[in-house]
Amino acid sequence: KERRLISERTRAALGARRAQGTKL
């Protein structure tokens, strides 16, 4: 579960950066 939560937080952070216009 900890590993899954870390993965979900990482995806959420990347999504937020994309929404702000950051090129990934």
PDBML (XML) file of the C-alpha atoms, coordinates in Angstrom:
<?xml version="1.0" encoding="UTF-8" ?>
<PDBx:datablock datablockName="MODEL"
   xmlns:PDBx="http://pdbml.pdb.org/schema/pdbx-v50.xsd"
   xmlns:xsi="http://www.w3.org/2001/XMLSchema-instance"
   xsi:schemaLocation="http://pdbml.pdb.org/schema/pdbx-v50.xsd pdbx-v50.xsd">
   <PDBx:atom_siteCategory>
      <PDBx:atom_site id="1">
         <PDBx:B_iso_or_equiv>0.00</PDBx:B_iso_or_equiv>
         <PDBx:Cartn_x>0.000</PDBx:Cartn_x>
         <PDBx:Cartn_y>0.000</PDBx:Cartn_y>
         <PDBx:Cartn_z>0.000</PDBx:Cartn_z>
         <PDBx:auth_asym_id>A</PDBx:auth_asym_id>
         <PDBx:auth_atom_id>CA</PDBx:auth_atom_id>
         <PDBx:auth_comp_id>LYS</PDBx:auth_comp_id>
         <PDBx:auth_seq_id>1</PDBx:auth_seq_id>
         <PDBx:group_PDB>ATOM</PDBx:group_PDB>
         <PDBx:label_alt_id xsi:nil="true" />
         <PDBx:label_asym_id>A</PDBx:label_asym_id>
         <PDBx:label_atom_id>CA</PDBx:label_atom_id>
         <PDBx:label_comp_id>LYS</PDBx:label_comp_id>
         <PDBx:label_entity_id>1</PDBx:label_entity_id>
         <PDBx:label_seq_id>1</PDBx:label_seq_id>
         <PDBx:occupancy>1.00</PDBx:occupancy>
         <PDBx:pdbx_PDB_model_num>1</PDBx:pdbx_PDB_model_num>
         <PDBx:type_symbol>C</PDBx:type_symbol>
      </PDBx:atom_site>
      <PDBx:atom_site id="2">
         <PDBx:B_iso_or_equiv>0.00</PDBx:B_iso_or_equiv>
         <PDBx:Cartn_x>2.849</PDBx:Cartn_x>
         <PDBx:Cartn_y>2.387</PDBx:Cartn_y>
         <PDBx:Cartn_z>0.802</PDBx:Cartn_z>
         <PDBx:auth_asym_id>A</PDBx:auth_asym_id>
         <PDBx:auth_atom_id>CA</PDBx:auth_atom_id>
         <PDBx:auth_comp_id>GLU</PDBx:auth_comp_id>
         <PDBx:auth_seq_id>2</PDBx:auth_seq_id>
         <PDBx:group_PDB>ATOM</PDBx:group_PDB>
         <PDBx:label_alt_id xsi:nil="true" />
         <PDBx:label_asym_id>A</PDBx:label_asym_id>
         <PDBx:label_atom_id>CA</PDBx:label_atom_id>
         <PDBx:label_comp_id>GLU</PDBx:label_comp_id>
         <PDBx:label_entity_id>1</PDBx:label_entity_id>
         <PDBx:label_seq_id>2</PDBx:label_seq_id>
         <PDBx:occupancy>1.00</PDBx:occupancy>
         <PDBx:pdbx_PDB_model_num>1</PDBx:pdbx_PDB_model_num>
         <PDBx:type_symbol>C</PDBx:type_symbol>
      </PDBx:atom_site>
      <PDBx:atom_site id="3">
         <PDBx:B_iso_or_equiv>0.00</PDBx:B_iso_or_equiv>
         <PDBx:Cartn_x>4.403</PDBx:Cartn_x>
         <PDBx:Cartn_y>1.723</PDBx:Cartn_y>
         <PDBx:Cartn_z>-2.605</PDBx:Cartn_z>
         <PDBx:auth_asym_id>A</PDBx:auth_asym_id>
         <PDBx:auth_atom_id>CA</PDBx:auth_atom_id>
         <PDBx:auth_comp_id>ARG</PDBx:auth_comp_id>
         <PDBx:auth_seq_id>3</PDBx:auth_seq_id>
         <PDBx:group_PDB>ATOM</PDBx:group_PDB>
         <PDBx:label_alt_id xsi:nil="true" />
         <PDBx:label_asym_id>A</PDBx:label_asym_id>
         <PDBx:label_atom_id>CA</PDBx:label_atom_id>
         <PDBx:label_comp_id>ARG</PDBx:label_comp_id>
         <PDBx:label_entity_id>1</PDBx:label_entity_id>
         <PDBx:label_seq_id>3</PDBx:label_seq_id>
         <PDBx:occupancy>1.00</PDBx:occupancy>
         <PDBx:pdbx_PDB_model_num>1</PDBx:pdbx_PDB_model_num>
         <PDBx:type_symbol>C</PDBx:type_symbol>
      </PDBx:atom_site>
      <PDBx:atom_site id="4">
         <PDBx:B_iso_or_equiv>0.00</PDBx:B_iso_or_equiv>
         <PDBx:Cartn_x>1.042</PDBx:Cartn_x>
         <PDBx:Cartn_y>2.332</PDBx:Cartn_y>
         <PDBx:Cartn_z>-4.312</PDBx:Cartn_z>
         <PDBx:auth_asym_id>A</PDBx:auth_asym_id>
         <PDBx:auth_atom_id>CA</PDBx:auth_atom_id>
         <PDBx:auth_comp_id>ARG</PDBx:auth_comp_id>
         <PDBx:auth_seq_id>4</PDBx:auth_seq_id>
         <PDBx:group_PDB>ATOM</PDBx:group_PDB>
         <PDBx:label_alt_id xsi:nil="true" />
         <PDBx:label_asym_id>A</PDBx:label_asym_id>
         <PDBx:label_atom_id>CA</PDBx:label_atom_id>
         <PDBx:label_comp_id>ARG</PDBx:label_comp_id>
         <PDBx:label_entity_id>1</PDBx:label_entity_id>
         <PDBx:label_seq_id>4</PDBx:label_seq_id>
         <PDBx:occupancy>1.00</PDBx:occupancy>
         <PDBx:pdbx_PDB_model_num>1</PDBx:pdbx_PDB_model_num>
         <PDBx:type_symbol>C</PDBx:type_symbol>
      </PDBx:atom_site>
      <PDBx:atom_site id="5">
         <PDBx:B_iso_or_equiv>0.00</PDBx:B_iso_or_equiv>
         <PDBx:Cartn_x>0.501</PDBx:Cartn_x>
         <PDBx:Cartn_y>5.602</PDBx:Cartn_y>
         <PDBx:Cartn_z>-2.417</PDBx:Cartn_z>
         <PDBx:auth_asym_id>A</PDBx:auth_asym_id>
         <PDBx:auth_atom_id>CA</PDBx:auth_atom_id>
         <PDBx:auth_comp_id>LEU</PDBx:auth_comp_id>
         <PDBx:auth_seq_id>5</PDBx:auth_seq_id>
         <PDBx:group_PDB>ATOM</PDBx:group_PDB>
         <PDBx:label_alt_id xsi:nil="true" />
         <PDBx:label_asym_id>A</PDBx:label_asym_id>
         <PDBx:label_atom_id>CA</PDBx:label_atom_id>
         <PDBx:label_comp_id>LEU</PDBx:label_comp_id>
         <PDBx:label_entity_id>1</PDBx:label_entity_id>
         <PDBx:label_seq_id>5</PDBx:label_seq_id>
         <PDBx:occupancy>1.00</PDBx:occupancy>
         <PDBx:pdbx_PDB_model_num>1</PDBx:pdbx_PDB_model_num>
         <PDBx:type_symbol>C</PDBx:type_symbol>
      </PDBx:atom_site>
      <PDBx:atom_site id="6">
         <PDBx:B_iso_or_equiv>0.00</PDBx:B_iso_or_equiv>
         <PDBx:Cartn_x>3.962</PDBx:Cartn_x>
         <PDBx:Cartn_y>6.825</PDBx:Cartn_y>
         <PDBx:Cartn_z>-3.408</PDBx:Cartn_z>
         <PDBx:auth_asym_id>A</PDBx:auth_asym_id>
         <PDBx:auth_atom_id>CA</PDBx:auth_atom_id>
         <PDBx:auth_comp_id>ILE</PDBx:auth_comp_id>
         <PDBx:auth_seq_id>6</PDBx:auth_seq_id>
         <PDBx:group_PDB>ATOM</PDBx:group_PDB>
         <PDBx:label_alt_id xsi:nil="true" />
         <PDBx:label_asym_id>A</PDBx:label_asym_id>
         <PDBx:label_atom_id>CA</PDBx:label_atom_id>
         <PDBx:label_comp_id>ILE</PDBx:label_comp_id>
         <PDBx:label_entity_id>1</PDBx:label_entity_id>
         <PDBx:label_seq_id>6</PDBx:label_seq_id>
         <PDBx:occupancy>1.00</PDBx:occupancy>
         <PDBx:pdbx_PDB_model_num>1</PDBx:pdbx_PDB_model_num>
         <PDBx:type_symbol>C</PDBx:type_symbol>
      </PDBx:atom_site>
      <PDBx:atom_site id="7">
         <PDBx:B_iso_or_equiv>0.00</PDBx:B_iso_or_equiv>
         <PDBx:Cartn_x>3.182</PDBx:Cartn_x>
         <PDBx:Cartn_y>6.043</PDBx:Cartn_y>
         <PDBx:Cartn_z>-7.054</PDBx:Cartn_z>
         <PDBx:auth_asym_id>A</PDBx:auth_asym_id>
         <PDBx:auth_atom_id>CA</PDBx:auth_atom_id>
         <PDBx:auth_comp_id>SER</PDBx:auth_comp_id>
         <PDBx:auth_seq_id>7</PDBx:auth_seq_id>
         <PDBx:group_PDB>ATOM</PDBx:group_PDB>
         <PDBx:label_alt_id xsi:nil="true" />
         <PDBx:label_asym_id>A</PDBx:label_asym_id>
         <PDBx:label_atom_id>CA</PDBx:label_atom_id>
         <PDBx:label_comp_id>SER</PDBx:label_comp_id>
         <PDBx:label_entity_id>1</PDBx:label_entity_id>
         <PDBx:label_seq_id>7</PDBx:label_seq_id>
         <PDBx:occupancy>1.00</PDBx:occupancy>
         <PDBx:pdbx_PDB_model_num>1</PDBx:pdbx_PDB_model_num>
         <PDBx:type_symbol>C</PDBx:type_symbol>
      </PDBx:atom_site>
      <PDBx:atom_site id="8">
         <PDBx:B_iso_or_equiv>0.00</PDBx:B_iso_or_equiv>
         <PDBx:Cartn_x>-0.167</PDBx:Cartn_x>
         <PDBx:Cartn_y>7.843</PDBx:Cartn_y>
         <PDBx:Cartn_z>-6.845</PDBx:Cartn_z>
         <PDBx:auth_asym_id>A</PDBx:auth_asym_id>
         <PDBx:auth_atom_id>CA</PDBx:auth_atom_id>
         <PDBx:auth_comp_id>GLU</PDBx:auth_comp_id>
         <PDBx:auth_seq_id>8</PDBx:auth_seq_id>
         <PDBx:group_PDB>ATOM</PDBx:group_PDB>
         <PDBx:label_alt_id xsi:nil="true" />
         <PDBx:label_asym_id>A</PDBx:label_asym_id>
         <PDBx:label_atom_id>CA</PDBx:label_atom_id>
         <PDBx:label_comp_id>GLU</PDBx:label_comp_id>
         <PDBx:label_entity_id>1</PDBx:label_entity_id>
         <PDBx:label_seq_id>8</PDBx:label_seq_id>
         <PDBx:occupancy>1.00</PDBx:occupancy>
         <PDBx:pdbx_PDB_model_num>1</PDBx:pdbx_PDB_model_num>
         <PDBx:type_symbol>C</PDBx:type_symbol>
      </PDBx:atom_site>
      <PDBx:atom_site id="9">
         <PDBx:B_iso_or_equiv>0.00</PDBx:B_iso_or_equiv>
         <PDBx:Cartn_x>1.398</PDBx:Cartn_x>
         <PDBx:Cartn_y>10.920</PDBx:Cartn_y>
         <PDBx:Cartn_z>-5.249</PDBx:Cartn_z>
         <PDBx:auth_asym_id>A</PDBx:auth_asym_id>
         <PDBx:auth_atom_id>CA</PDBx:auth_atom_id>
         <PDBx:auth_comp_id>ARG</PDBx:auth_comp_id>
         <PDBx:auth_seq_id>9</PDBx:auth_seq_id>
         <PDBx:group_PDB>ATOM</PDBx:group_PDB>
         <PDBx:label_alt_id xsi:nil="true" />
         <PDBx:label_asym_id>A</PDBx:label_asym_id>
         <PDBx:label_atom_id>CA</PDBx:label_atom_id>
         <PDBx:label_comp_id>ARG</PDBx:label_comp_id>
         <PDBx:label_entity_id>1</PDBx:label_entity_id>
         <PDBx:label_seq_id>9</PDBx:label_seq_id>
         <PDBx:occupancy>1.00</PDBx:occupancy>
         <PDBx:pdbx_PDB_model_num>1</PDBx:pdbx_PDB_model_num>
         <PDBx:type_symbol>C</PDBx:type_symbol>
      </PDBx:atom_site>
      <PDBx:atom_site id="10">
         <PDBx:B_iso_or_equiv>0.00</PDBx:B_iso_or_equiv>
         <PDBx:Cartn_x>4.064</PDBx:Cartn_x>
         <PDBx:Cartn_y>10.988</PDBx:Cartn_y>
         <PDBx:Cartn_z>-7.938</PDBx:Cartn_z>
         <PDBx:auth_asym_id>A</PDBx:auth_asym_id>
         <PDBx:auth_atom_id>CA</PDBx:auth_atom_id>
         <PDBx:auth_comp_id>THR</PDBx:auth_comp_id>
         <PDBx:auth_seq_id>10</PDBx:auth_seq_id>
         <PDBx:group_PDB>ATOM</PDBx:group_PDB>
         <PDBx:label_alt_id xsi:nil="true" />
         <PDBx:label_asym_id>A</PDBx:label_asym_id>
         <PDBx:label_atom_id>CA</PDBx:label_atom_id>
         <PDBx:label_comp_id>THR</PDBx:label_comp_id>
         <PDBx:label_entity_id>1</PDBx:label_entity_id>
         <PDBx:label_seq_id>10</PDBx:label_seq_id>
         <PDBx:occupancy>1.00</PDBx:occupancy>
         <PDBx:pdbx_PDB_model_num>1</PDBx:pdbx_PDB_model_num>
         <PDBx:type_symbol>C</PDBx:type_symbol>
      </PDBx:atom_site>
      <PDBx:atom_site id="11">
         <PDBx:B_iso_or_equiv>0.00</PDBx:B_iso_or_equiv>
         <PDBx:Cartn_x>1.463</PDBx:Cartn_x>
         <PDBx:Cartn_y>10.838</PDBx:Cartn_y>
         <PDBx:Cartn_z>-10.715</PDBx:Cartn_z>
         <PDBx:auth_asym_id>A</PDBx:auth_asym_id>
         <PDBx:auth_atom_id>CA</PDBx:auth_atom_id>
         <PDBx:auth_comp_id>ARG</PDBx:auth_comp_id>
         <PDBx:auth_seq_id>11</PDBx:auth_seq_id>
         <PDBx:group_PDB>ATOM</PDBx:group_PDB>
         <PDBx:label_alt_id xsi:nil="true" />
         <PDBx:label_asym_id>A</PDBx:label_asym_id>
         <PDBx:label_atom_id>CA</PDBx:label_atom_id>
         <PDBx:label_comp_id>ARG</PDBx:label_comp_id>
         <PDBx:label_entity_id>1</PDBx:label_entity_id>
         <PDBx:label_seq_id>11</PDBx:label_seq_id>
         <PDBx:occupancy>1.00</PDBx:occupancy>
         <PDBx:pdbx_PDB_model_num>1</PDBx:pdbx_PDB_model_num>
         <PDBx:type_symbol>C</PDBx:type_symbol>
      </PDBx:atom_site>
      <PDBx:atom_site id="12">
         <PDBx:B_iso_or_equiv>0.00</PDBx:B_iso_or_equiv>
         <PDBx:Cartn_x>-0.581</PDBx:Cartn_x>
         <PDBx:Cartn_y>13.564</PDBx:Cartn_y>
         <PDBx:Cartn_z>-9.027</PDBx:Cartn_z>
         <PDBx:auth_asym_id>A</PDBx:auth_asym_id>
         <PDBx:auth_atom_id>CA</PDBx:auth_atom_id>
         <PDBx:auth_comp_id>ALA</PDBx:auth_comp_id>
         <PDBx:auth_seq_id>12</PDBx:auth_seq_id>
         <PDBx:group_PDB>ATOM</PDBx:group_PDB>
         <PDBx:label_alt_id xsi:nil="true" />
         <PDBx:label_asym_id>A</PDBx:label_asym_id>
         <PDBx:label_atom_id>CA</PDBx:label_atom_id>
         <PDBx:label_comp_id>ALA</PDBx:label_comp_id>
         <PDBx:label_entity_id>1</PDBx:label_entity_id>
         <PDBx:label_seq_id>12</PDBx:label_seq_id>
         <PDBx:occupancy>1.00</PDBx:occupancy>
         <PDBx:pdbx_PDB_model_num>1</PDBx:pdbx_PDB_model_num>
         <PDBx:type_symbol>C</PDBx:type_symbol>
      </PDBx:atom_site>
      <PDBx:atom_site id="13">
         <PDBx:B_iso_or_equiv>0.00</PDBx:B_iso_or_equiv>
         <PDBx:Cartn_x>2.465</PDBx:Cartn_x>
         <PDBx:Cartn_y>15.822</PDBx:Cartn_y>
         <PDBx:Cartn_z>-8.727</PDBx:Cartn_z>
         <PDBx:auth_asym_id>A</PDBx:auth_asym_id>
         <PDBx:auth_atom_id>CA</PDBx:auth_atom_id>
         <PDBx:auth_comp_id>ALA</PDBx:auth_comp_id>
         <PDBx:auth_seq_id>13</PDBx:auth_seq_id>
         <PDBx:group_PDB>ATOM</PDBx:group_PDB>
         <PDBx:label_alt_id xsi:nil="true" />
         <PDBx:label_asym_id>A</PDBx:label_asym_id>
         <PDBx:label_atom_id>CA</PDBx:label_atom_id>
         <PDBx:label_comp_id>ALA</PDBx:label_comp_id>
         <PDBx:label_entity_id>1</PDBx:label_entity_id>
         <PDBx:label_seq_id>13</PDBx:label_seq_id>
         <PDBx:occupancy>1.00</PDBx:occupancy>
         <PDBx:pdbx_PDB_model_num>1</PDBx:pdbx_PDB_model_num>
         <PDBx:type_symbol>C</PDBx:type_symbol>
      </PDBx:atom_site>
      <PDBx:atom_site id="14">
         <PDBx:B_iso_or_equiv>0.00</PDBx:B_iso_or_equiv>
         <PDBx:Cartn_x>3.339</PDBx:Cartn_x>
         <PDBx:Cartn_y>15.313</PDBx:Cartn_y>
         <PDBx:Cartn_z>-12.398</PDBx:Cartn_z>
         <PDBx:auth_asym_id>A</PDBx:auth_asym_id>
         <PDBx:auth_atom_id>CA</PDBx:auth_atom_id>
         <PDBx:auth_comp_id>LEU</PDBx:auth_comp_id>
         <PDBx:auth_seq_id>14</PDBx:auth_seq_id>
         <PDBx:group_PDB>ATOM</PDBx:group_PDB>
         <PDBx:label_alt_id xsi:nil="true" />
         <PDBx:label_asym_id>A</PDBx:label_asym_id>
         <PDBx:label_atom_id>CA</PDBx:label_atom_id>
         <PDBx:label_comp_id>LEU</PDBx:label_comp_id>
         <PDBx:label_entity_id>1</PDBx:label_entity_id>
         <PDBx:label_seq_id>14</PDBx:label_seq_id>
         <PDBx:occupancy>1.00</PDBx:occupancy>
         <PDBx:pdbx_PDB_model_num>1</PDBx:pdbx_PDB_model_num>
         <PDBx:type_symbol>C</PDBx:type_symbol>
      </PDBx:atom_site>
      <PDBx:atom_site id="15">
         <PDBx:B_iso_or_equiv>0.00</PDBx:B_iso_or_equiv>
         <PDBx:Cartn_x>-0.268</PDBx:Cartn_x>
         <PDBx:Cartn_y>16.041</PDBx:Cartn_y>
         <PDBx:Cartn_z>-13.363</PDBx:Cartn_z>
         <PDBx:auth_asym_id>A</PDBx:auth_asym_id>
         <PDBx:auth_atom_id>CA</PDBx:auth_atom_id>
         <PDBx:auth_comp_id>GLY</PDBx:auth_comp_id>
         <PDBx:auth_seq_id>15</PDBx:auth_seq_id>
         <PDBx:group_PDB>ATOM</PDBx:group_PDB>
         <PDBx:label_alt_id xsi:nil="true" />
         <PDBx:label_asym_id>A</PDBx:label_asym_id>
         <PDBx:label_atom_id>CA</PDBx:label_atom_id>
         <PDBx:label_comp_id>GLY</PDBx:label_comp_id>
         <PDBx:label_entity_id>1</PDBx:label_entity_id>
         <PDBx:label_seq_id>15</PDBx:label_seq_id>
         <PDBx:occupancy>1.00</PDBx:occupancy>
         <PDBx:pdbx_PDB_model_num>1</PDBx:pdbx_PDB_model_num>
         <PDBx:type_symbol>C</PDBx:type_symbol>
      </PDBx:atom_site>
      <PDBx:atom_site id="16">
         <PDBx:B_iso_or_equiv>0.00</PDBx:B_iso_or_equiv>
         <PDBx:Cartn_x>-0.194</PDBx:Cartn_x>
         <PDBx:Cartn_y>19.283</PDBx:Cartn_y>
         <PDBx:Cartn_z>-11.374</PDBx:Cartn_z>
         <PDBx:auth_asym_id>A</PDBx:auth_asym_id>
         <PDBx:auth_atom_id>CA</PDBx:auth_atom_id>
         <PDBx:auth_comp_id>ALA</PDBx:auth_comp_id>
         <PDBx:auth_seq_id>16</PDBx:auth_seq_id>
         <PDBx:group_PDB>ATOM</PDBx:group_PDB>
         <PDBx:label_alt_id xsi:nil="true" />
         <PDBx:label_asym_id>A</PDBx:label_asym_id>
         <PDBx:label_atom_id>CA</PDBx:label_atom_id>
         <PDBx:label_comp_id>ALA</PDBx:label_comp_id>
         <PDBx:label_entity_id>1</PDBx:label_entity_id>
         <PDBx:label_seq_id>16</PDBx:label_seq_id>
         <PDBx:occupancy>1.00</PDBx:occupancy>
         <PDBx:pdbx_PDB_model_num>1</PDBx:pdbx_PDB_model_num>
         <PDBx:type_symbol>C</PDBx:type_symbol>
      </PDBx:atom_site>
      <PDBx:atom_site id="17">
         <PDBx:B_iso_or_equiv>0.00</PDBx:B_iso_or_equiv>
         <PDBx:Cartn_x>3.026</PDBx:Cartn_x>
         <PDBx:Cartn_y>20.336</PDBx:Cartn_y>
         <PDBx:Cartn_z>-13.085</PDBx:Cartn_z>
         <PDBx:auth_asym_id>A</PDBx:auth_asym_id>
         <PDBx:auth_atom_id>CA</PDBx:auth_atom_id>
         <PDBx:auth_comp_id>ARG</PDBx:auth_comp_id>
         <PDBx:auth_seq_id>17</PDBx:auth_seq_id>
         <PDBx:group_PDB>ATOM</PDBx:group_PDB>
         <PDBx:label_alt_id xsi:nil="true" />
         <PDBx:label_asym_id>A</PDBx:label_asym_id>
         <PDBx:label_atom_id>CA</PDBx:label_atom_id>
         <PDBx:label_comp_id>ARG</PDBx:label_comp_id>
         <PDBx:label_entity_id>1</PDBx:label_entity_id>
         <PDBx:label_seq_id>17</PDBx:label_seq_id>
         <PDBx:occupancy>1.00</PDBx:occupancy>
         <PDBx:pdbx_PDB_model_num>1</PDBx:pdbx_PDB_model_num>
         <PDBx:type_symbol>C</PDBx:type_symbol>
      </PDBx:atom_site>
      <PDBx:atom_site id="18">
         <PDBx:B_iso_or_equiv>0.00</PDBx:B_iso_or_equiv>
         <PDBx:Cartn_x>1.518</PDBx:Cartn_x>
         <PDBx:Cartn_y>19.643</PDBx:Cartn_y>
         <PDBx:Cartn_z>-16.506</PDBx:Cartn_z>
         <PDBx:auth_asym_id>A</PDBx:auth_asym_id>
         <PDBx:auth_atom_id>CA</PDBx:auth_atom_id>
         <PDBx:auth_comp_id>ARG</PDBx:auth_comp_id>
         <PDBx:auth_seq_id>18</PDBx:auth_seq_id>
         <PDBx:group_PDB>ATOM</PDBx:group_PDB>
         <PDBx:label_alt_id xsi:nil="true" />
         <PDBx:label_asym_id>A</PDBx:label_asym_id>
         <PDBx:label_atom_id>CA</PDBx:label_atom_id>
         <PDBx:label_comp_id>ARG</PDBx:label_comp_id>
         <PDBx:label_entity_id>1</PDBx:label_entity_id>
         <PDBx:label_seq_id>18</PDBx:label_seq_id>
         <PDBx:occupancy>1.00</PDBx:occupancy>
         <PDBx:pdbx_PDB_model_num>1</PDBx:pdbx_PDB_model_num>
         <PDBx:type_symbol>C</PDBx:type_symbol>
      </PDBx:atom_site>
      <PDBx:atom_site id="19">
         <PDBx:B_iso_or_equiv>0.00</PDBx:B_iso_or_equiv>
         <PDBx:Cartn_x>-1.548</PDBx:Cartn_x>
         <PDBx:Cartn_y>21.701</PDBx:Cartn_y>
         <PDBx:Cartn_z>-15.571</PDBx:Cartn_z>
         <PDBx:auth_asym_id>A</PDBx:auth_asym_id>
         <PDBx:auth_atom_id>CA</PDBx:auth_atom_id>
         <PDBx:auth_comp_id>ALA</PDBx:auth_comp_id>
         <PDBx:auth_seq_id>19</PDBx:auth_seq_id>
         <PDBx:group_PDB>ATOM</PDBx:group_PDB>
         <PDBx:label_alt_id xsi:nil="true" />
         <PDBx:label_asym_id>A</PDBx:label_asym_id>
         <PDBx:label_atom_id>CA</PDBx:label_atom_id>
         <PDBx:label_comp_id>ALA</PDBx:label_comp_id>
         <PDBx:label_entity_id>1</PDBx:label_entity_id>
         <PDBx:label_seq_id>19</PDBx:label_seq_id>
         <PDBx:occupancy>1.00</PDBx:occupancy>
         <PDBx:pdbx_PDB_model_num>1</PDBx:pdbx_PDB_model_num>
         <PDBx:type_symbol>C</PDBx:type_symbol>
      </PDBx:atom_site>
      <PDBx:atom_site id="20">
         <PDBx:B_iso_or_equiv>0.00</PDBx:B_iso_or_equiv>
         <PDBx:Cartn_x>0.783</PDBx:Cartn_x>
         <PDBx:Cartn_y>24.587</PDBx:Cartn_y>
         <PDBx:Cartn_z>-14.711</PDBx:Cartn_z>
         <PDBx:auth_asym_id>A</PDBx:auth_asym_id>
         <PDBx:auth_atom_id>CA</PDBx:auth_atom_id>
         <PDBx:auth_comp_id>GLN</PDBx:auth_comp_id>
         <PDBx:auth_seq_id>20</PDBx:auth_seq_id>
         <PDBx:group_PDB>ATOM</PDBx:group_PDB>
         <PDBx:label_alt_id xsi:nil="true" />
         <PDBx:label_asym_id>A</PDBx:label_asym_id>
         <PDBx:label_atom_id>CA</PDBx:label_atom_id>
         <PDBx:label_comp_id>GLN</PDBx:label_comp_id>
         <PDBx:label_entity_id>1</PDBx:label_entity_id>
         <PDBx:label_seq_id>20</PDBx:label_seq_id>
         <PDBx:occupancy>1.00</PDBx:occupancy>
         <PDBx:pdbx_PDB_model_num>1</PDBx:pdbx_PDB_model_num>
         <PDBx:type_symbol>C</PDBx:type_symbol>
      </PDBx:atom_site>
      <PDBx:atom_site id="21">
         <PDBx:B_iso_or_equiv>0.00</PDBx:B_iso_or_equiv>
         <PDBx:Cartn_x>2.349</PDBx:Cartn_x>
         <PDBx:Cartn_y>24.385</PDBx:Cartn_y>
         <PDBx:Cartn_z>-18.157</PDBx:Cartn_z>
         <PDBx:auth_asym_id>A</PDBx:auth_asym_id>
         <PDBx:auth_atom_id>CA</PDBx:auth_atom_id>
         <PDBx:auth_comp_id>GLY</PDBx:auth_comp_id>
         <PDBx:auth_seq_id>21</PDBx:auth_seq_id>
         <PDBx:group_PDB>ATOM</PDBx:group_PDB>
         <PDBx:label_alt_id xsi:nil="true" />
         <PDBx:label_asym_id>A</PDBx:label_asym_id>
         <PDBx:label_atom_id>CA</PDBx:label_atom_id>
         <PDBx:label_comp_id>GLY</PDBx:label_comp_id>
         <PDBx:label_entity_id>1</PDBx:label_entity_id>
         <PDBx:label_seq_id>21</PDBx:label_seq_id>
         <PDBx:occupancy>1.00</PDBx:occupancy>
         <PDBx:pdbx_PDB_model_num>1</PDBx:pdbx_PDB_model_num>
         <PDBx:type_symbol>C</PDBx:type_symbol>
      </PDBx:atom_site>
      <PDBx:atom_site id="22">
         <PDBx:B_iso_or_equiv>0.00</PDBx:B_iso_or_equiv>
         <PDBx:Cartn_x>5.600</PDBx:Cartn_x>
         <PDBx:Cartn_y>22.708</PDBx:Cartn_y>
         <PDBx:Cartn_z>-17.125</PDBx:Cartn_z>
         <PDBx:auth_asym_id>A</PDBx:auth_asym_id>
         <PDBx:auth_atom_id>CA</PDBx:auth_atom_id>
         <PDBx:auth_comp_id>THR</PDBx:auth_comp_id>
         <PDBx:auth_seq_id>22</PDBx:auth_seq_id>
         <PDBx:group_PDB>ATOM</PDBx:group_PDB>
         <PDBx:label_alt_id xsi:nil="true" />
         <PDBx:label_asym_id>A</PDBx:label_asym_id>
         <PDBx:label_atom_id>CA</PDBx:label_atom_id>
         <PDBx:label_comp_id>THR</PDBx:label_comp_id>
         <PDBx:label_entity_id>1</PDBx:label_entity_id>
         <PDBx:label_seq_id>22</PDBx:label_seq_id>
         <PDBx:occupancy>1.00</PDBx:occupancy>
         <PDBx:pdbx_PDB_model_num>1</PDBx:pdbx_PDB_model_num>
         <PDBx:type_symbol>C</PDBx:type_symbol>
      </PDBx:atom_site>
      <PDBx:atom_site id="23">
         <PDBx:B_iso_or_equiv>0.00</PDBx:B_iso_or_equiv>
         <PDBx:Cartn_x>7.107</PDBx:Cartn_x>
         <PDBx:Cartn_y>20.648</PDBx:Cartn_y>
         <PDBx:Cartn_z>-19.929</PDBx:Cartn_z>
         <PDBx:auth_asym_id>A</PDBx:auth_asym_id>
         <PDBx:auth_atom_id>CA</PDBx:auth_atom_id>
         <PDBx:auth_comp_id>LYS</PDBx:auth_comp_id>
         <PDBx:auth_seq_id>23</PDBx:auth_seq_id>
         <PDBx:group_PDB>ATOM</PDBx:group_PDB>
         <PDBx:label_alt_id xsi:nil="true" />
         <PDBx:label_asym_id>A</PDBx:label_asym_id>
         <PDBx:label_atom_id>CA</PDBx:label_atom_id>
         <PDBx:label_comp_id>LYS</PDBx:label_comp_id>
         <PDBx:label_entity_id>1</PDBx:label_entity_id>
         <PDBx:label_seq_id>23</PDBx:label_seq_id>
         <PDBx:occupancy>1.00</PDBx:occupancy>
         <PDBx:pdbx_PDB_model_num>1</PDBx:pdbx_PDB_model_num>
         <PDBx:type_symbol>C</PDBx:type_symbol>
      </PDBx:atom_site>
      <PDBx:atom_site id="24">
         <PDBx:B_iso_or_equiv>0.00</PDBx:B_iso_or_equiv>
         <PDBx:Cartn_x>7.946</PDBx:Cartn_x>
         <PDBx:Cartn_y>17.151</PDBx:Cartn_y>
         <PDBx:Cartn_z>-18.764</PDBx:Cartn_z>
         <PDBx:auth_asym_id>A</PDBx:auth_asym_id>
         <PDBx:auth_atom_id>CA</PDBx:auth_atom_id>
         <PDBx:auth_comp_id>LEU</PDBx:auth_comp_id>
         <PDBx:auth_seq_id>24</PDBx:auth_seq_id>
         <PDBx:group_PDB>ATOM</PDBx:group_PDB>
         <PDBx:label_alt_id xsi:nil="true" />
         <PDBx:label_asym_id>A</PDBx:label_asym_id>
         <PDBx:label_atom_id>CA</PDBx:label_atom_id>
         <PDBx:label_comp_id>LEU</PDBx:label_comp_id>
         <PDBx:label_entity_id>1</PDBx:label_entity_id>
         <PDBx:label_seq_id>24</PDBx:label_seq_id>
         <PDBx:occupancy>1.00</PDBx:occupancy>
         <PDBx:pdbx_PDB_model_num>1</PDBx:pdbx_PDB_model_num>
         <PDBx:type_symbol>C</PDBx:type_symbol>
      </PDBx:atom_site>
   </PDBx:atom_siteCategory>
</PDBx:datablock>
